[in-house]
Amino acid sequence: MELVEFNTLPEHNGQRIDVFVSEQLPKHTRAGVQRLCGEGRVTVDGVACEKNYRLKGREVVAVAIPPARQLGLPAQKIPLDVVYEDEDLIVINKQQGLVVHPGPGNEDGTLVNALLSHCGEELSGIGGVERPGIVHRLDKMTSGLIVVAKTEKAHFSLAEQIKAREVKKIYHAVVHGCPKTEQGSIDTPIGRHPTERKKMSTRAKIARQALTNYQVLEKYRGFSHLELELHTGRTHQIRVHMASIGHPVAGDMLYGPKKGVSGLDGQCLHAKTLGFYHPVSGQFVLHTSPLPEYFLRFLARIESTNRKG
């Protein structure tokens, strides 16, 4: 247990206690401070106070910060391609085949296990003990950029940006065939498949709005290379949307041809660009990653089989 104290000044008169404490402890969100107030961990002159208590100035505010929750997940040294890192967050270029967080059938060997080794105790308890620091995810066989929070404040900020659709997410994919138009939008709700638990569907009775924009970059015999921008973040969104218009992602055996595609082990889908407002500086930052080797190999292969004009 860590105990910190602050002396308030006359100019703090009338300020809410949760606002004051969150300003003094920048790694803690206002919501987090409110939880501490509810647990009786914030006192003013020795008396526990409610989250909406108004300061009078010249008081002593004490905050008892509980130790981080133990995760119970093993830290594992798994190679990570770190694109950017500071004390608030880390951006990873995830390799194809790496699961983001533990779950049934993937108890370890995940990105979270790797991050616990890389970041140490910094991730403890942020965003829950099962998915520490994780604010969004990529499918196992989707490669590319993912941002992970290292502080509660960063986690809250990034989650709010995702909710407000302020995060820029651009993907590249190779799909079967070629859409009728060079660019377009797919604005079709997505929900859980009514009979197949692992699948999502555009025909679900209970569905949420989903919007994907696409642009054809290159056409090949039987395939095309697309750039796609997500405006929502539904599970399997690109894979479901492209399959719904008859152009499933190449190598996607869940939504595409069951036979699969020779030369691909999983869908040819890469999260290439990721932009967001930094939780502390407020500056909009944009990260990009090159197309991975598996993607480039497949492009070279289909190009060699006779490019279409």
Protein backbone atom coordinates (compact mmCIF):
# COMPACT_ATOMS: atom_id res chain seq x y z
CA MET A 1 0.00 0.00 0.00
CA GLU A 2 1.37 3.41 -1.01
CA LEU A 3 0.25 6.54 0.88
CA VAL A 4 0.65 9.95 -0.77
CA GLU A 5 -0.30 13.33 0.66
CA PHE A 6 -0.96 16.73 -0.89
CA ASN A 7 -1.51 20.16 0.65
CA THR A 8 -4.29 22.14 -1.00
CA LEU A 9 -3.98 25.86 -1.61
CA PRO A 10 -6.55 28.68 -1.42
CA GLU A 11 -6.98 28.55 -5.21
CA HIS A 12 -8.25 24.98 -4.90
CA ASN A 13 -11.29 26.22 -2.99
CA GLY A 14 -14.42 24.77 -4.62
CA GLN A 15 -12.62 22.18 -6.73
CA ARG A 16 -13.95 18.62 -6.62
CA ILE A 17 -11.72 16.14 -4.83
CA ASP A 18 -11.71 13.65 -7.74
CA VAL A 19 -10.55 16.36 -10.13
CA PHE A 20 -7.83 17.54 -7.74
CA VAL A 21 -6.43 14.07 -7.07
CA SER A 22 -6.45 13.04 -10.74
CA GLU A 23 -4.44 16.20 -11.53
CA GLN A 24 -1.92 15.38 -8.79
CA LEU A 25 -1.67 11.74 -9.89
CA PRO A 26 -1.56 11.96 -13.71
CA LYS A 27 -1.31 8.18 -14.15
CA HIS A 28 -4.73 7.77 -12.52
CA THR A 29 -7.95 8.62 -14.33
CA ARG A 30 -10.75 10.57 -12.71
CA ALA A 31 -12.87 7.41 -12.81
CA GLY A 32 -10.08 5.55 -11.02
CA VAL A 33 -9.90 8.22 -8.32
CA GLN A 34 -13.67 8.01 -7.89
CA ARG A 35 -13.30 4.28 -7.23
CA LEU A 36 -10.68 5.04 -4.58
CA CYS A 37 -13.09 7.52 -2.97
CA GLY A 38 -15.81 4.89 -2.96
CA GLU A 39 -13.44 2.50 -1.19
CA GLY A 40 -12.63 5.10 1.48
CA ARG A 41 -9.03 5.46 0.31
CA VAL A 42 -9.14 9.27 -0.13
CA THR A 43 -9.25 11.46 2.99
CA VAL A 44 -9.28 15.19 3.67
CA ASP A 45 -7.75 16.13 7.02
CA GLY A 46 -8.04 12.50 8.04
CA VAL A 47 -11.72 12.06 7.13
CA ALA A 48 -12.79 9.85 4.22
CA CYS A 49 -14.66 11.85 1.58
CA GLU A 50 -17.07 11.26 -1.28
CA LYS A 51 -15.99 11.74 -4.89
CA ASN A 52 -17.96 15.00 -5.19
CA TYR A 53 -16.47 16.62 -2.05
CA ARG A 54 -15.54 20.28 -2.67
CA LEU A 55 -12.18 21.43 -1.34
CA LYS A 56 -11.94 24.49 0.91
CA GLY A 57 -8.21 25.12 0.54
CA ARG A 58 -5.38 24.67 3.07
CA GLU A 59 -6.32 21.03 3.69
CA VAL A 60 -4.29 17.83 3.67
CA VAL A 61 -5.46 15.28 1.13
CA ALA A 62 -4.21 11.73 1.57
CA VAL A 63 -4.60 8.92 -0.95
CA ALA A 64 -3.99 5.27 -0.08
CA ILE A 65 -3.08 3.55 -3.36
CA PRO A 66 -3.56 -0.24 -3.20
CA PRO A 67 -0.93 -2.53 -4.75
CA ALA A 68 -1.48 -3.64 -8.34
CA ARG A 69 -3.60 -6.73 -8.73
CA GLN A 70 -1.67 -9.91 -9.32
CA LEU A 71 -2.31 -11.16 -12.83
CA GLY A 72 -1.45 -14.81 -12.41
CA LEU A 73 -0.23 -14.91 -16.02
CA PRO A 74 3.31 -16.04 -16.86
CA ALA A 75 5.75 -13.61 -18.41
CA GLN A 76 7.31 -15.20 -21.48
CA LYS A 77 10.20 -14.00 -23.63
CA ILE A 78 8.57 -13.92 -27.03
CA PRO A 79 10.19 -11.69 -29.70
CA LEU A 80 8.34 -8.41 -30.19
CA ASP A 81 8.65 -5.88 -33.00
CA VAL A 82 8.35 -2.64 -31.01
CA VAL A 83 7.45 0.29 -33.26
CA TYR A 84 7.17 2.89 -30.48
CA GLU A 85 7.28 2.94 -26.70
CA ASP A 86 7.15 5.48 -23.90
CA GLU A 87 6.04 5.42 -20.24
CA ASP A 88 2.36 5.53 -21.21
CA LEU A 89 1.95 3.10 -24.11
CA ILE A 90 3.63 0.73 -26.52
CA VAL A 91 2.91 0.11 -30.21
CA ILE A 92 3.68 -3.39 -31.48
CA ASN A 93 3.90 -4.72 -35.04
CA LYS A 94 2.30 -8.10 -34.30
CA GLN A 95 3.47 -11.08 -36.30
CA GLN A 96 0.99 -13.39 -37.98
CA GLY A 97 0.12 -16.39 -35.77
CA LEU A 98 0.46 -14.60 -32.41
CA VAL A 99 -2.68 -14.56 -30.26
CA VAL A 100 -3.27 -11.22 -28.49
CA HIS A 101 -4.49 -12.40 -25.08
CA PRO A 102 -4.98 -15.72 -23.25
CA GLY A 103 -8.22 -17.60 -23.75
CA PRO A 104 -9.56 -21.13 -24.19
CA GLY A 105 -7.01 -23.10 -26.19
CA ASN A 106 -4.41 -20.32 -25.85
CA GLU A 107 -3.52 -20.17 -22.17
CA ASP A 108 -0.04 -18.79 -22.83
CA GLY A 109 2.33 -17.88 -25.64
CA THR A 110 0.30 -14.74 -26.35
CA LEU A 111 1.12 -11.08 -26.91
CA VAL A 112 0.09 -10.39 -23.30
CA ASN A 113 2.60 -12.96 -22.02
CA ALA A 114 5.29 -11.33 -24.15
CA LEU A 115 4.35 -7.84 -22.92
CA LEU A 116 4.50 -8.94 -19.28
CA SER A 117 8.09 -10.00 -19.91
CA HIS A 118 8.94 -6.83 -21.83
CA CYS A 119 7.18 -4.30 -19.59
CA GLY A 120 7.39 -6.04 -16.24
CA GLU A 121 4.86 -4.95 -13.61
CA GLU A 122 3.80 -1.83 -15.53
CA LEU A 123 0.80 -3.63 -17.04
CA SER A 124 -0.46 -5.13 -13.78
CA GLY A 125 -4.23 -4.79 -13.49
CA ILE A 126 -4.65 -2.21 -16.27
CA GLY A 127 -7.81 -3.10 -18.16
CA GLY A 128 -8.43 -6.29 -16.18
CA VAL A 129 -6.34 -9.22 -15.09
CA GLU A 130 -7.13 -11.29 -18.19
CA ARG A 131 -6.23 -8.64 -20.78
CA PRO A 132 -3.85 -6.16 -19.11
CA GLY A 133 -3.31 -3.06 -21.22
CA ILE A 134 -5.28 -4.38 -24.19
CA VAL A 135 -7.68 -1.80 -25.66
CA HIS A 136 -8.23 -3.42 -29.07
CA ARG A 137 -7.19 -6.65 -30.70
CA LEU A 138 -6.12 -8.32 -33.92
CA ASP A 139 -7.06 -11.84 -34.94
CA LYS A 140 -4.40 -14.51 -34.50
CA MET A 141 -3.64 -14.75 -38.21
CA THR A 142 -3.86 -10.99 -38.85
CA SER A 143 -0.54 -9.16 -38.67
CA GLY A 144 0.17 -5.53 -38.00
CA LEU A 145 -0.05 -2.63 -35.58
CA ILE A 146 -1.65 -2.74 -32.15
CA VAL A 147 -1.35 -0.22 -29.31
CA VAL A 148 -1.22 -1.33 -25.66
CA ALA A 149 -1.68 0.94 -22.63
CA LYS A 150 0.90 0.94 -19.85
CA THR A 151 -1.03 3.21 -17.47
CA GLU A 152 -4.63 3.44 -16.36
CA LYS A 153 -4.87 6.96 -17.79
CA ALA A 154 -3.63 5.82 -21.20
CA HIS A 155 -5.99 2.84 -21.18
CA PHE A 156 -8.99 5.05 -20.44
CA SER A 157 -8.01 7.62 -23.09
CA LEU A 158 -7.41 5.07 -25.85
CA ALA A 159 -10.61 3.20 -25.03
CA GLU A 160 -12.58 6.45 -25.21
CA GLN A 161 -10.99 7.32 -28.56
CA ILE A 162 -11.94 3.94 -29.97
CA LYS A 163 -15.48 4.38 -28.68
CA ALA A 164 -15.66 7.85 -30.29
CA ARG A 165 -14.20 6.46 -33.55
CA GLU A 166 -11.23 8.80 -33.38
CA VAL A 167 -8.63 6.09 -33.95
CA LYS A 168 -7.44 5.73 -37.55
CA LYS A 169 -7.08 2.10 -38.65
CA ILE A 170 -6.03 1.21 -42.20
CA TYR A 171 -5.48 -2.36 -43.37
CA HIS A 172 -4.15 -4.02 -46.51
CA ALA A 173 -5.62 -7.28 -47.77
CA VAL A 174 -5.61 -9.59 -50.74
CA VAL A 175 -9.14 -10.79 -51.55
CA HIS A 176 -10.66 -13.27 -53.97
CA GLY A 177 -11.83 -11.63 -57.18
CA CYS A 178 -12.25 -7.89 -57.48
CA PRO A 179 -15.05 -5.60 -56.31
CA LYS A 180 -17.18 -4.06 -59.07
CA THR A 181 -16.09 -0.53 -58.15
CA GLU A 182 -12.55 0.75 -57.57
CA GLN A 183 -13.59 2.13 -54.21
CA GLY A 184 -16.64 1.85 -52.03
CA SER A 185 -18.17 1.46 -48.58
CA ILE A 186 -19.73 -1.52 -46.87
CA ASP A 187 -22.19 -0.26 -44.25
CA THR A 188 -23.76 -3.46 -42.97
CA PRO A 189 -24.38 -4.35 -39.29
CA ILE A 190 -22.48 -7.32 -37.86
CA GLY A 191 -23.53 -9.69 -35.08
CA ARG A 192 -22.91 -13.18 -33.78
CA HIS A 193 -23.72 -15.95 -36.27
CA PRO A 194 -27.00 -17.62 -35.24
CA THR A 195 -25.67 -21.20 -35.36
CA GLU A 196 -21.85 -21.12 -35.62
CA ARG A 197 -20.35 -19.79 -32.38
CA LYS A 198 -16.95 -18.86 -33.81
CA LYS A 199 -18.36 -16.82 -36.66
CA MET A 200 -19.85 -13.37 -37.08
CA SER A 201 -22.48 -12.53 -39.67
CA THR A 202 -24.16 -9.66 -41.53
CA ARG A 203 -27.45 -11.56 -41.19
CA ALA A 204 -27.59 -11.77 -37.41
CA LYS A 205 -30.85 -10.78 -35.71
CA ILE A 206 -28.91 -8.83 -33.09
CA ALA A 207 -26.21 -6.76 -34.79
CA ARG A 208 -24.24 -3.55 -34.39
CA GLN A 209 -23.50 -0.95 -37.03
CA ALA A 210 -20.27 -1.57 -38.94
CA LEU A 211 -18.64 0.54 -41.65
CA THR A 212 -15.68 -0.39 -43.86
CA ASN A 213 -14.28 1.69 -46.74
CA TYR A 214 -12.16 0.00 -49.40
CA GLN A 215 -10.02 0.97 -52.38
CA VAL A 216 -8.61 -1.38 -55.00
CA LEU A 217 -4.85 -0.92 -55.30
CA GLU A 218 -4.09 -3.63 -57.86
CA LYS A 219 -5.93 -6.33 -59.81
CA TYR A 220 -4.60 -9.82 -60.49
CA ARG A 221 -5.96 -12.97 -62.04
CA GLY A 222 -8.44 -14.22 -59.46
CA PHE A 223 -7.35 -11.78 -56.72
CA SER A 224 -7.01 -8.09 -55.91
CA HIS A 225 -4.96 -6.05 -53.44
CA LEU A 226 -7.10 -3.68 -51.35
CA GLU A 227 -6.60 -0.90 -48.85
CA LEU A 228 -9.36 -0.80 -46.24
CA GLU A 229 -10.22 1.71 -43.53
CA LEU A 230 -12.24 0.71 -40.50
CA HIS A 231 -14.66 3.25 -39.02
CA THR A 232 -15.96 0.75 -36.46
CA GLY A 233 -14.23 -2.14 -34.72
CA ARG A 234 -16.49 -5.17 -34.85
CA THR A 235 -15.09 -8.67 -34.42
CA HIS A 236 -13.80 -10.02 -37.77
CA GLN A 237 -15.20 -6.88 -39.44
CA ILE A 238 -13.08 -6.83 -42.62
CA ARG A 239 -13.30 -10.59 -43.04
CA VAL A 240 -17.09 -10.61 -42.63
CA HIS A 241 -17.71 -7.54 -44.79
CA MET A 242 -15.56 -8.72 -47.69
CA ALA A 243 -17.13 -12.18 -47.60
CA SER A 244 -20.59 -10.58 -47.57
CA ILE A 245 -19.96 -8.94 -50.98
CA GLY A 246 -18.47 -12.09 -52.47
CA HIS A 247 -14.78 -11.23 -52.05
CA PRO A 248 -13.48 -13.03 -48.95
CA VAL A 249 -9.93 -12.38 -47.78
CA ALA A 250 -7.48 -14.79 -49.38
CA GLY A 251 -6.52 -17.59 -47.00
CA ASP A 252 -9.49 -17.02 -44.70
CA MET A 253 -10.88 -20.53 -44.23
CA LEU A 254 -13.56 -19.38 -41.78
CA TYR A 255 -15.33 -17.02 -44.17
CA GLY A 256 -13.78 -18.00 -47.52
CA PRO A 257 -13.24 -21.21 -49.49
CA LYS A 258 -12.69 -24.16 -47.15
CA LYS A 259 -9.94 -25.47 -49.40
CA GLY A 260 -7.80 -22.47 -48.54
CA VAL A 261 -5.19 -20.87 -50.77
CA SER A 262 -1.88 -22.46 -51.66
CA GLY A 263 1.00 -20.48 -50.16
CA LEU A 264 -1.02 -18.89 -47.36
CA ASP A 265 -1.30 -20.04 -43.75
CA GLY A 266 -4.16 -17.83 -42.59
CA GLN A 267 -5.76 -14.72 -44.05
CA CYS A 268 -3.70 -12.24 -46.04
CA LEU A 269 -4.65 -9.27 -43.86
CA HIS A 270 -2.30 -6.69 -42.35
CA ALA A 271 -3.02 -3.71 -40.04
CA LYS A 272 -0.71 -1.25 -41.78
CA THR A 273 -1.56 2.17 -40.30
CA LEU A 274 -2.63 3.15 -36.79
CA GLY A 275 -3.28 6.71 -35.64
CA PHE A 276 -4.52 8.09 -32.31
CA TYR A 277 -4.21 11.06 -29.94
CA HIS A 278 -1.45 10.50 -27.41
CA PRO A 279 -3.11 10.18 -23.97
CA VAL A 280 -0.70 12.67 -22.34
CA SER A 281 0.52 15.12 -25.02
CA GLY A 282 -2.78 15.18 -26.92
CA GLN A 283 -0.81 15.12 -30.19
CA PHE A 284 -2.18 12.98 -33.01
CA VAL A 285 0.43 10.33 -33.81
CA LEU A 286 0.42 8.08 -36.86
CA HIS A 287 2.35 4.81 -37.11
CA THR A 288 2.83 2.67 -40.20
CA SER A 289 4.38 -0.72 -40.77
CA PRO A 290 5.68 -2.32 -43.98
CA LEU A 291 3.86 -5.23 -45.54
CA PRO A 292 5.22 -8.42 -43.94
CA GLU A 293 7.17 -11.06 -45.83
CA TYR A 294 4.26 -13.52 -46.14
CA PHE A 295 2.13 -10.79 -47.73
CA LEU A 296 4.85 -9.74 -50.18
CA ARG A 297 5.56 -13.34 -51.15
CA PHE A 298 1.91 -13.92 -51.98
CA LEU A 299 1.70 -10.70 -53.99
CA ALA A 300 4.76 -11.75 -55.99
CA ARG A 301 3.24 -15.16 -56.59
CA ILE A 302 -0.10 -13.92 -57.91
CA GLU A 303 1.61 -11.20 -59.93
CA SER A 304 3.70 -13.80 -61.69
CA THR A 305 0.57 -15.71 -62.73
CA ASN A 306 -0.42 -12.95 -65.15
CA ARG A 307 -1.40 -9.51 -63.90
CA LYS A 308 -4.67 -8.13 -65.21
CA GLY A 309 -4.91 -4.55 -66.53
